[in-house]
Amino acid sequence: MGYQQYGISPALVERIKTKMKNPAVKERVKNMIKDISKQELQDTAVVRRLVRNAAAVMNEKLTSAQEDQIVKFVIAQKIDPNNTFHLIRLWGMFR
């Protein structure tokens, strides 16, 4: 299931991918999520905070609708950060 099905614009994804190529931005985002658990990635409040913080780091102004779409997408993926297969699947979605 792709991010577009959640109403997330391909243009937004491309902008974020470009910004994540900046090593300083990438490190700040990695530090934000390094100790996150599977349970936390199923918590709407935690995911919303992560989305807001990541958007601020990347200087992306998200509308509340975009924020909601991203939060719903992340929760629907049921990501386990300790499961390599989950991470590879996510990587494939955004290559």
PDB file of N, CA and C in Angstrom:
ATOM      1  N   MET A   1       0.845  -1.183   0.000  1.00  0.00           N
ATOM      2  CA  MET A   1       0.000   0.000   0.000  1.00  0.00           C
ATOM      3  C   MET A   1       0.889   1.244   0.000  1.00  0.00           C
ATOM      4  N   GLY A   2       0.720   2.078  -0.994  1.00  0.00           N
ATOM      5  CA  GLY A   2       1.582   3.234  -1.139  1.00  0.00           C
ATOM      6  C   GLY A   2       1.063   4.470  -0.425  1.00  0.00           C
ATOM      7  N   TYR A   3       1.962   5.412  -0.250  1.00  0.00           N
ATOM      8  CA  TYR A   3       1.617   6.654   0.455  1.00  0.00           C
ATOM      9  C   TYR A   3       0.572   7.468  -0.295  1.00  0.00           C
ATOM     10  N   GLN A   4       0.502   7.330  -1.636  1.00  0.00           N
ATOM     11  CA  GLN A   4      -0.465   8.119  -2.419  1.00  0.00           C
ATOM     12  C   GLN A   4      -1.900   7.754  -2.059  1.00  0.00           C
ATOM     13  N   GLN A   5      -2.127   6.523  -1.628  1.00  0.00           N
ATOM     14  CA  GLN A   5      -3.472   6.103  -1.241  1.00  0.00           C
ATOM     15  C   GLN A   5      -3.951   6.832   0.010  1.00  0.00           C
ATOM     16  N   TYR A   6      -3.026   7.454   0.719  1.00  0.00           N
ATOM     17  CA  TYR A   6      -3.378   8.227   1.910  1.00  0.00           C
ATOM     18  C   TYR A   6      -3.499   9.709   1.591  1.00  0.00           C
ATOM     19  N   GLY A   7      -3.399  10.060   0.310  1.00  0.00           N
ATOM     20  CA  GLY A   7      -3.527  11.441  -0.113  1.00  0.00           C
ATOM     21  C   GLY A   7      -2.241  12.240   0.029  1.00  0.00           C
ATOM     22  N   ILE A   8      -1.131  11.556   0.262  1.00  0.00           N
ATOM     23  CA  ILE A   8       0.161  12.239   0.403  1.00  0.00           C
ATOM     24  C   ILE A   8       0.700  12.511  -0.997  1.00  0.00           C
ATOM     25  N   SER A   9       1.016  13.756  -1.254  1.00  0.00           N
ATOM     26  CA  SER A   9       1.430  14.173  -2.590  1.00  0.00           C
ATOM     27  C   SER A   9       2.839  13.701  -2.937  1.00  0.00           C
ATOM     28  N   PRO A  10       3.011  13.181  -4.160  1.00  0.00           N
ATOM     29  CA  PRO A  10       4.358  12.788  -4.608  1.00  0.00           C
ATOM     30  C   PRO A  10       5.334  13.971  -4.585  1.00  0.00           C
ATOM     31  N   ALA A  11       4.844  15.189  -4.821  1.00  0.00           N
ATOM     32  CA  ALA A  11       5.711  16.374  -4.791  1.00  0.00           C
ATOM     33  C   ALA A  11       6.265  16.598  -3.385  1.00  0.00           C
ATOM     34  N   LEU A  12       5.424  16.399  -2.360  1.00  0.00           N
ATOM     35  CA  LEU A  12       5.871  16.539  -0.974  1.00  0.00           C
ATOM     36  C   LEU A  12       6.929  15.482  -0.661  1.00  0.00           C
ATOM     37  N   VAL A  13       6.678  14.252  -1.077  1.00  0.00           N
ATOM     38  CA  VAL A  13       7.632  13.164  -0.827  1.00  0.00           C
ATOM     39  C   VAL A  13       8.969  13.470  -1.508  1.00  0.00           C
ATOM     40  N   GLU A  14       8.937  13.970  -2.734  1.00  0.00           N
ATOM     41  CA  GLU A  14      10.180  14.301  -3.444  1.00  0.00           C
ATOM     42  C   GLU A  14      10.943  15.417  -2.740  1.00  0.00           C
ATOM     43  N   ARG A  15      10.220  16.441  -2.263  1.00  0.00           N
ATOM     44  CA  ARG A  15      10.878  17.534  -1.528  1.00  0.00           C
ATOM     45  C   ARG A  15      11.557  17.008  -0.280  1.00  0.00           C
ATOM     46  N   ILE A  16      10.867  16.138   0.446  1.00  0.00           N
ATOM     47  CA  ILE A  16      11.428  15.590   1.686  1.00  0.00           C
ATOM     48  C   ILE A  16      12.628  14.702   1.375  1.00  0.00           C
ATOM     49  N   LYS A  17      12.535  13.880   0.335  1.00  0.00           N
ATOM     50  CA  LYS A  17      13.665  13.031  -0.048  1.00  0.00           C
ATOM     51  C   LYS A  17      14.888  13.878  -0.370  1.00  0.00           C
ATOM     52  N   THR A  18      14.680  14.982  -1.068  1.00  0.00           N
ATOM     53  CA  THR A  18      15.787  15.877  -1.413  1.00  0.00           C
ATOM     54  C   THR A  18      16.398  16.477  -0.142  1.00  0.00           C
ATOM     55  N   LYS A  19      15.547  16.929   0.763  1.00  0.00           N
ATOM     56  CA  LYS A  19      16.045  17.534   2.007  1.00  0.00           C
ATOM     57  C   LYS A  19      16.773  16.509   2.879  1.00  0.00           C
ATOM     58  N   MET A  20      16.340  15.251   2.833  1.00  0.00           N
ATOM     59  CA  MET A  20      16.978  14.205   3.637  1.00  0.00           C
ATOM     60  C   MET A  20      18.364  13.842   3.104  1.00  0.00           C
ATOM     61  N   LYS A  21      18.698  14.299   1.903  1.00  0.00           N
ATOM     62  CA  LYS A  21      20.037  14.046   1.365  1.00  0.00           C
ATOM     63  C   LYS A  21      21.077  14.956   2.010  1.00  0.00           C
ATOM     64  N   ASN A  22      20.613  15.989   2.691  1.00  0.00           N
ATOM     65  CA  ASN A  22      21.508  16.888   3.428  1.00  0.00           C
ATOM     66  C   ASN A  22      21.943  16.138   4.696  1.00  0.00           C
ATOM     67  N   PRO A  23      23.253  15.876   4.853  1.00  0.00           N
ATOM     68  CA  PRO A  23      23.728  15.080   6.003  1.00  0.00           C
ATOM     69  C   PRO A  23      23.312  15.637   7.365  1.00  0.00           C
ATOM     70  N   ALA A  24      23.263  16.948   7.517  1.00  0.00           N
ATOM     71  CA  ALA A  24      22.894  17.545   8.805  1.00  0.00           C
ATOM     72  C   ALA A  24      21.423  17.261   9.120  1.00  0.00           C
ATOM     73  N   VAL A  25      20.563  17.408   8.132  1.00  0.00           N
ATOM     74  CA  VAL A  25      19.131  17.141   8.314  1.00  0.00           C
ATOM     75  C   VAL A  25      18.924  15.658   8.602  1.00  0.00           C
ATOM     76  N   LYS A  26      19.591  14.824   7.828  1.00  0.00           N
ATOM     77  CA  LYS A  26      19.461  13.373   7.996  1.00  0.00           C
ATOM     78  C   LYS A  26      19.849  12.951   9.419  1.00  0.00           C
ATOM     79  N   GLU A  27      20.949  13.501   9.930  1.00  0.00           N
ATOM     80  CA  GLU A  27      21.397  13.156  11.287  1.00  0.00           C
ATOM     81  C   GLU A  27      20.390  13.597  12.340  1.00  0.00           C
ATOM     82  N   ARG A  28      19.833  14.795  12.175  1.00  0.00           N
ATOM     83  CA  ARG A  28      18.855  15.291  13.159  1.00  0.00           C
ATOM     84  C   ARG A  28      17.615  14.399  13.179  1.00  0.00           C
ATOM     85  N   VAL A  29      17.155  13.982  11.994  1.00  0.00           N
ATOM     86  CA  VAL A  29      15.971  13.120  11.916  1.00  0.00           C
ATOM     87  C   VAL A  29      16.302  11.739  12.489  1.00  0.00           C
ATOM     88  N   LYS A  30      17.486  11.204  12.148  1.00  0.00           N
ATOM     89  CA  LYS A  30      17.888   9.897  12.684  1.00  0.00           C
ATOM     90  C   LYS A  30      17.932   9.925  14.210  1.00  0.00           C
ATOM     91  N   ASN A  31      18.465  10.991  14.778  1.00  0.00           N
ATOM     92  CA  ASN A  31      18.537  11.114  16.239  1.00  0.00           C
ATOM     93  C   ASN A  31      17.142  11.182  16.866  1.00  0.00           C
ATOM     94  N   MET A  32      16.194  11.761  16.131  1.00  0.00           N
ATOM     95  CA  MET A  32      14.826  11.871  16.621  1.00  0.00           C
ATOM     96  C   MET A  32      14.158  10.496  16.760  1.00  0.00           C
ATOM     97  N   ILE A  33      14.504   9.591  15.852  1.00  0.00           N
ATOM     98  CA  ILE A  33      13.796   8.310  15.804  1.00  0.00           C
ATOM     99  C   ILE A  33      14.626   7.117  16.274  1.00  0.00           C
ATOM    100  N   LYS A  34      15.852   7.358  16.713  1.00  0.00           N
ATOM    101  CA  LYS A  34      16.759   6.243  16.995  1.00  0.00           C
ATOM    102  C   LYS A  34      16.278   5.294  18.094  1.00  0.00           C
ATOM    103  N   ASP A  35      15.578   5.782  19.095  1.00  0.00           N
ATOM    104  CA  ASP A  35      15.144   4.915  20.197  1.00  0.00           C
ATOM    105  C   ASP A  35      13.638   4.668  20.196  1.00  0.00           C
ATOM    106  N   ILE A  36      13.004   4.877  19.066  1.00  0.00           N
ATOM    107  CA  ILE A  36      11.548   4.730  18.981  1.00  0.00           C
ATOM    108  C   ILE A  36      11.171   3.239  18.922  1.00  0.00           C
ATOM    109  N   SER A  37      10.062   2.876  19.531  1.00  0.00           N
ATOM    110  CA  SER A  37       9.634   1.465  19.558  1.00  0.00           C
ATOM    111  C   SER A  37       8.430   1.250  18.638  1.00  0.00           C
ATOM    112  N   LYS A  38       8.143  -0.011  18.393  1.00  0.00           N
ATOM    113  CA  LYS A  38       6.983  -0.373  17.569  1.00  0.00           C
ATOM    114  C   LYS A  38       5.704   0.170  18.210  1.00  0.00           C
ATOM    115  N   GLN A  39       5.598   0.053  19.535  1.00  0.00           N
ATOM    116  CA  GLN A  39       4.406   0.535  20.240  1.00  0.00           C
ATOM    117  C   GLN A  39       4.246   2.046  20.075  1.00  0.00           C
ATOM    118  N   GLU A  40       5.349   2.778  20.159  1.00  0.00           N
ATOM    119  CA  GLU A  40       5.281   4.230  20.010  1.00  0.00           C
ATOM    120  C   GLU A  40       4.845   4.617  18.602  1.00  0.00           C
ATOM    121  N   LEU A  41       5.240   3.810  17.603  1.00  0.00           N
ATOM    122  CA  LEU A  41       4.864   4.098  16.217  1.00  0.00           C
ATOM    123  C   LEU A  41       3.408   3.741  15.926  1.00  0.00           C
ATOM    124  N   GLN A  42       2.702   3.204  16.921  1.00  0.00           N
ATOM    125  CA  GLN A  42       1.268   2.952  16.804  1.00  0.00           C
ATOM    126  C   GLN A  42       0.465   3.967  17.622  1.00  0.00           C
ATOM    127  N   ASP A  43       1.149   4.885  18.282  1.00  0.00           N
ATOM    128  CA  ASP A  43       0.517   5.896  19.132  1.00  0.00           C
ATOM    129  C   ASP A  43       0.374   7.191  18.328  1.00  0.00           C
ATOM    130  N   THR A  44      -0.859   7.601  18.092  1.00  0.00           N
ATOM    131  CA  THR A  44      -1.132   8.782  17.267  1.00  0.00           C
ATOM    132  C   THR A  44      -0.406  10.018  17.788  1.00  0.00           C
ATOM    133  N   ALA A  45      -0.417  10.240  19.096  1.00  0.00           N
ATOM    134  CA  ALA A  45       0.216  11.435  19.667  1.00  0.00           C
ATOM    135  C   ALA A  45       1.726  11.419  19.428  1.00  0.00           C
ATOM    136  N   VAL A  46       2.352  10.259  19.591  1.00  0.00           N
ATOM    137  CA  VAL A  46       3.803  10.144  19.396  1.00  0.00           C
ATOM    138  C   VAL A  46       4.147  10.369  17.926  1.00  0.00           C
ATOM    139  N   VAL A  47       3.391   9.741  17.039  1.00  0.00           N
ATOM    140  CA  VAL A  47       3.663   9.876  15.598  1.00  0.00           C
ATOM    141  C   VAL A  47       3.446  11.324  15.166  1.00  0.00           C
ATOM    142  N   ARG A  48       2.389  11.957  15.669  1.00  0.00           N
ATOM    143  CA  ARG A  48       2.120  13.360  15.306  1.00  0.00           C
ATOM    144  C   ARG A  48       3.285  14.258  15.755  1.00  0.00           C
ATOM    145  N   ARG A  49       3.803  14.008  16.970  1.00  0.00           N
ATOM    146  CA  ARG A  49       4.940  14.796  17.468  1.00  0.00           C
ATOM    147  C   ARG A  49       6.159  14.591  16.572  1.00  0.00           C
ATOM    148  N   LEU A  50       6.417  13.332  16.195  1.00  0.00           N
ATOM    149  CA  LEU A  50       7.554  13.045  15.309  1.00  0.00           C
ATOM    150  C   LEU A  50       7.403  13.743  13.961  1.00  0.00           C
ATOM    151  N   VAL A  51       6.195  13.696  13.410  1.00  0.00           N
ATOM    152  CA  VAL A  51       5.940  14.338  12.110  1.00  0.00           C
ATOM    153  C   VAL A  51       6.172  15.840  12.226  1.00  0.00           C
ATOM    154  N   ARG A  52       5.659  16.451  13.276  1.00  0.00           N
ATOM    155  CA  ARG A  52       5.834  17.903  13.462  1.00  0.00           C
ATOM    156  C   ARG A  52       7.305  18.267  13.642  1.00  0.00           C
ATOM    157  N   ASN A  53       8.012  17.481  14.458  1.00  0.00           N
ATOM    158  CA  ASN A  53       9.430  17.760  14.692  1.00  0.00           C
ATOM    159  C   ASN A  53      10.253  17.576  13.420  1.00  0.00           C
ATOM    160  N   ALA A  54       9.975  16.513  12.677  1.00  0.00           N
ATOM    161  CA  ALA A  54      10.707  16.266  11.420  1.00  0.00           C
ATOM    162  C   ALA A  54      10.411  17.376  10.410  1.00  0.00           C
ATOM    163  N   ALA A  55       9.154  17.798  10.335  1.00  0.00           N
ATOM    164  CA  ALA A  55       8.795  18.880   9.408  1.00  0.00           C
ATOM    165  C   ALA A  55       9.541  20.160   9.775  1.00  0.00           C
ATOM    166  N   ALA A  56       9.663  20.432  11.077  1.00  0.00           N
ATOM    167  CA  ALA A  56      10.381  21.638  11.521  1.00  0.00           C
ATOM    168  C   ALA A  56      11.857  21.557  11.144  1.00  0.00           C
ATOM    169  N   VAL A  57      12.469  20.381  11.335  1.00  0.00           N
ATOM    170  CA  VAL A  57      13.881  20.192  10.996  1.00  0.00           C
ATOM    171  C   VAL A  57      14.104  20.447   9.498  1.00  0.00           C
ATOM    172  N   MET A  58      13.132  20.004   8.686  1.00  0.00           N
ATOM    173  CA  MET A  58      13.262  20.149   7.230  1.00  0.00           C
ATOM    174  C   MET A  58      12.686  21.458   6.712  1.00  0.00           C
ATOM    175  N   ASN A  59      12.195  22.289   7.624  1.00  0.00           N
ATOM    176  CA  ASN A  59      11.584  23.558   7.259  1.00  0.00           C
ATOM    177  C   ASN A  59      10.440  23.352   6.263  1.00  0.00           C
ATOM    178  N   GLU A  60       9.627  22.337   6.522  1.00  0.00           N
ATOM    179  CA  GLU A  60       8.446  22.023   5.708  1.00  0.00           C
ATOM    180  C   GLU A  60       7.219  22.505   6.464  1.00  0.00           C
ATOM    181  N   LYS A  61       6.401  23.280   5.828  1.00  0.00           N
ATOM    182  CA  LYS A  61       5.151  23.734   6.438  1.00  0.00           C
ATOM    183  C   LYS A  61       4.050  22.769   6.008  1.00  0.00           C
ATOM    184  N   LEU A  62       3.590  21.937   6.946  1.00  0.00           N
ATOM    185  CA  LEU A  62       2.534  20.980   6.643  1.00  0.00           C
ATOM    186  C   LEU A  62       1.185  21.533   7.075  1.00  0.00           C
ATOM    187  N   THR A  63       0.168  21.312   6.249  1.00  0.00           N
ATOM    188  CA  THR A  63      -1.188  21.672   6.667  1.00  0.00           C
ATOM    189  C   THR A  63      -1.650  20.601   7.656  1.00  0.00           C
ATOM    190  N   SER A  64      -2.719  20.885   8.380  1.00  0.00           N
ATOM    191  CA  SER A  64      -3.209  19.876   9.327  1.00  0.00           C
ATOM    192  C   SER A  64      -3.687  18.642   8.564  1.00  0.00           C
ATOM    193  N   ALA A  65      -4.219  18.823   7.362  1.00  0.00           N
ATOM    194  CA  ALA A  65      -4.658  17.675   6.553  1.00  0.00           C
ATOM    195  C   ALA A  65      -3.453  16.816   6.154  1.00  0.00           C
ATOM    196  N   GLN A  66      -2.360  17.447   5.729  1.00  0.00           N
ATOM    197  CA  GLN A  66      -1.150  16.693   5.361  1.00  0.00           C
ATOM    198  C   GLN A  66      -0.600  15.941   6.569  1.00  0.00           C
ATOM    199  N   GLU A  67      -0.590  16.621   7.698  1.00  0.00           N
ATOM    200  CA  GLU A  67      -0.098  16.007   8.936  1.00  0.00           C
ATOM    201  C   GLU A  67      -0.936  14.766   9.276  1.00  0.00           C
ATOM    202  N   ASP A  68      -2.265  14.900   9.192  1.00  0.00           N
ATOM    203  CA  ASP A  68      -3.160  13.772   9.469  1.00  0.00           C
ATOM    204  C   ASP A  68      -2.905  12.615   8.512  1.00  0.00           C
ATOM    205  N   GLN A  69      -2.708  12.931   7.230  1.00  0.00           N
ATOM    206  CA  GLN A  69      -2.468  11.888   6.223  1.00  0.00           C
ATOM    207  C   GLN A  69      -1.179  11.127   6.536  1.00  0.00           C
ATOM    208  N   ILE A  70      -0.138  11.854   6.899  1.00  0.00           N
ATOM    209  CA  ILE A  70       1.150  11.221   7.202  1.00  0.00           C
ATOM    210  C   ILE A  70       1.035  10.362   8.455  1.00  0.00           C
ATOM    211  N   VAL A  71       0.360  10.875   9.482  1.00  0.00           N
ATOM    212  CA  VAL A  71       0.186  10.117  10.729  1.00  0.00           C
ATOM    213  C   VAL A  71      -0.581   8.822  10.443  1.00  0.00           C
ATOM    214  N   LYS A  72      -1.671   8.907   9.684  1.00  0.00           N
ATOM    215  CA  LYS A  72      -2.456   7.708   9.354  1.00  0.00           C
ATOM    216  C   LYS A  72      -1.618   6.715   8.557  1.00  0.00           C
ATOM    217  N   PHE A  73      -0.818   7.222   7.628  1.00  0.00           N
ATOM    218  CA  PHE A  73       0.049   6.352   6.819  1.00  0.00           C
ATOM    219  C   PHE A  73       1.046   5.609   7.704  1.00  0.00           C
ATOM    220  N   VAL A  74       1.732   6.336   8.590  1.00  0.00           N
ATOM    221  CA  VAL A  74       2.749   5.726   9.444  1.00  0.00           C
ATOM    222  C   VAL A  74       2.113   4.649  10.334  1.00  0.00           C
ATOM    223  N   ILE A  75       0.979   4.958  10.936  1.00  0.00           N
ATOM    224  CA  ILE A  75       0.321   3.995  11.819  1.00  0.00           C
ATOM    225  C   ILE A  75      -0.135   2.764  11.031  1.00  0.00           C
ATOM    226  N   ALA A  76      -0.659   2.967   9.832  1.00  0.00           N
ATOM    227  CA  ALA A  76      -1.147   1.845   9.011  1.00  0.00           C
ATOM    228  C   ALA A  76      -0.021   0.891   8.603  1.00  0.00           C
ATOM    229  N   GLN A  77       1.226   1.390   8.541  1.00  0.00           N
ATOM    230  CA  GLN A  77       2.346   0.540   8.120  1.00  0.00           C
ATOM    231  C   GLN A  77       2.761  -0.460   9.187  1.00  0.00           C
ATOM    232  N   LYS A  78       2.314  -0.249  10.437  1.00  0.00           N
ATOM    233  CA  LYS A  78       2.667  -1.135  11.557  1.00  0.00           C
ATOM    234  C   LYS A  78       4.172  -1.434  11.569  1.00  0.00           C
ATOM    235  N   ILE A  79       4.944  -0.365  11.552  1.00  0.00           N
ATOM    236  CA  ILE A  79       6.401  -0.460  11.443  1.00  0.00           C
ATOM    237  C   ILE A  79       7.012  -0.977  12.749  1.00  0.00           C
ATOM    238  N   ASP A  80       7.850  -1.978  12.603  1.00  0.00           N
ATOM    239  CA  ASP A  80       8.662  -2.453  13.723  1.00  0.00           C
ATOM    240  C   ASP A  80      10.099  -2.069  13.396  1.00  0.00           C
ATOM    241  N   PRO A  81      10.652  -1.060  14.088  1.00  0.00           N
ATOM    242  CA  PRO A  81      11.999  -0.587  13.758  1.00  0.00           C
ATOM    243  C   PRO A  81      13.092  -1.633  14.000  1.00  0.00           C
ATOM    244  N   ASN A  82      12.756  -2.716  14.687  1.00  0.00           N
ATOM    245  CA  ASN A  82      13.734  -3.779  14.929  1.00  0.00           C
ATOM    246  C   ASN A  82      13.618  -4.910  13.916  1.00  0.00           C
ATOM    247  N   ASN A  83      12.693  -4.777  12.969  1.00  0.00           N
ATOM    248  CA  ASN A  83      12.478  -5.796  11.954  1.00  0.00           C
ATOM    249  C   ASN A  83      13.073  -5.306  10.632  1.00  0.00           C
ATOM    250  N   THR A  84      14.150  -5.919  10.212  1.00  0.00           N
ATOM    251  CA  THR A  84      14.847  -5.493   8.994  1.00  0.00           C
ATOM    252  C   THR A  84      13.923  -5.531   7.782  1.00  0.00           C
ATOM    253  N   PHE A  85      13.043  -6.543   7.698  1.00  0.00           N
ATOM    254  CA  PHE A  85      12.129  -6.648   6.561  1.00  0.00           C
ATOM    255  C   PHE A  85      11.231  -5.414   6.478  1.00  0.00           C
ATOM    256  N   HIS A  86      10.729  -4.932   7.616  1.00  0.00           N
ATOM    257  CA  HIS A  86       9.878  -3.733   7.625  1.00  0.00           C
ATOM    258  C   HIS A  86      10.652  -2.535   7.075  1.00  0.00           C
ATOM    259  N   LEU A  87      11.895  -2.405   7.502  1.00  0.00           N
ATOM    260  CA  LEU A  87      12.705  -1.260   7.071  1.00  0.00           C
ATOM    261  C   LEU A  87      13.013  -1.340   5.580  1.00  0.00           C
ATOM    262  N   ILE A  88      13.278  -2.541   5.074  1.00  0.00           N
ATOM    263  CA  ILE A  88      13.551  -2.710   3.638  1.00  0.00           C
ATOM    264  C   ILE A  88      12.293  -2.383   2.834  1.00  0.00           C
ATOM    265  N   ARG A  89      11.134  -2.818   3.325  1.00  0.00           N
ATOM    266  CA  ARG A  89       9.870  -2.536   2.636  1.00  0.00           C
ATOM    267  C   ARG A  89       9.632  -1.021   2.566  1.00  0.00           C
ATOM    268  N   LEU A  90       9.874  -0.329   3.662  1.00  0.00           N
ATOM    269  CA  LEU A  90       9.716   1.131   3.667  1.00  0.00           C
ATOM    270  C   LEU A  90      10.699   1.800   2.709  1.00  0.00           C
ATOM    271  N   TRP A  91      11.942   1.328   2.745  1.00  0.00           N
ATOM    272  CA  TRP A  91      12.957   1.874   1.852  1.00  0.00           C
ATOM    273  C   TRP A  91      12.495   1.749   0.398  1.00  0.00           C
ATOM    274  N   GLY A  92      11.943   0.592   0.059  1.00  0.00           N
ATOM    275  CA  GLY A  92      11.465   0.348  -1.306  1.00  0.00           C
ATOM    276  C   GLY A  92      10.346   1.282  -1.716  1.00  0.00           C
ATOM    277  N   MET A  93       9.509   1.658  -0.761  1.00  0.00           N
ATOM    278  CA  MET A  93       8.386   2.567  -1.055  1.00  0.00           C
ATOM    279  C   MET A  93       8.851   3.954  -1.463  1.00  0.00           C
ATOM    280  N   PHE A  94       9.992   4.373  -0.932  1.00  0.00           N
ATOM    281  CA  PHE A  94      10.422   5.762  -1.114  1.00  0.00           C
ATOM    282  C   PHE A  94      11.700   5.902  -1.926  1.00  0.00           C
ATOM    283  N   ARG A  95      12.106   4.864  -2.639  1.00  0.00           N
ATOM    284  CA  ARG A  95      13.331   4.935  -3.448  1.00  0.00           C
ATOM    285  C   ARG A  95      13.183   5.866  -4.605  1.00  0.00           C
TER     286      ARG A  95
END
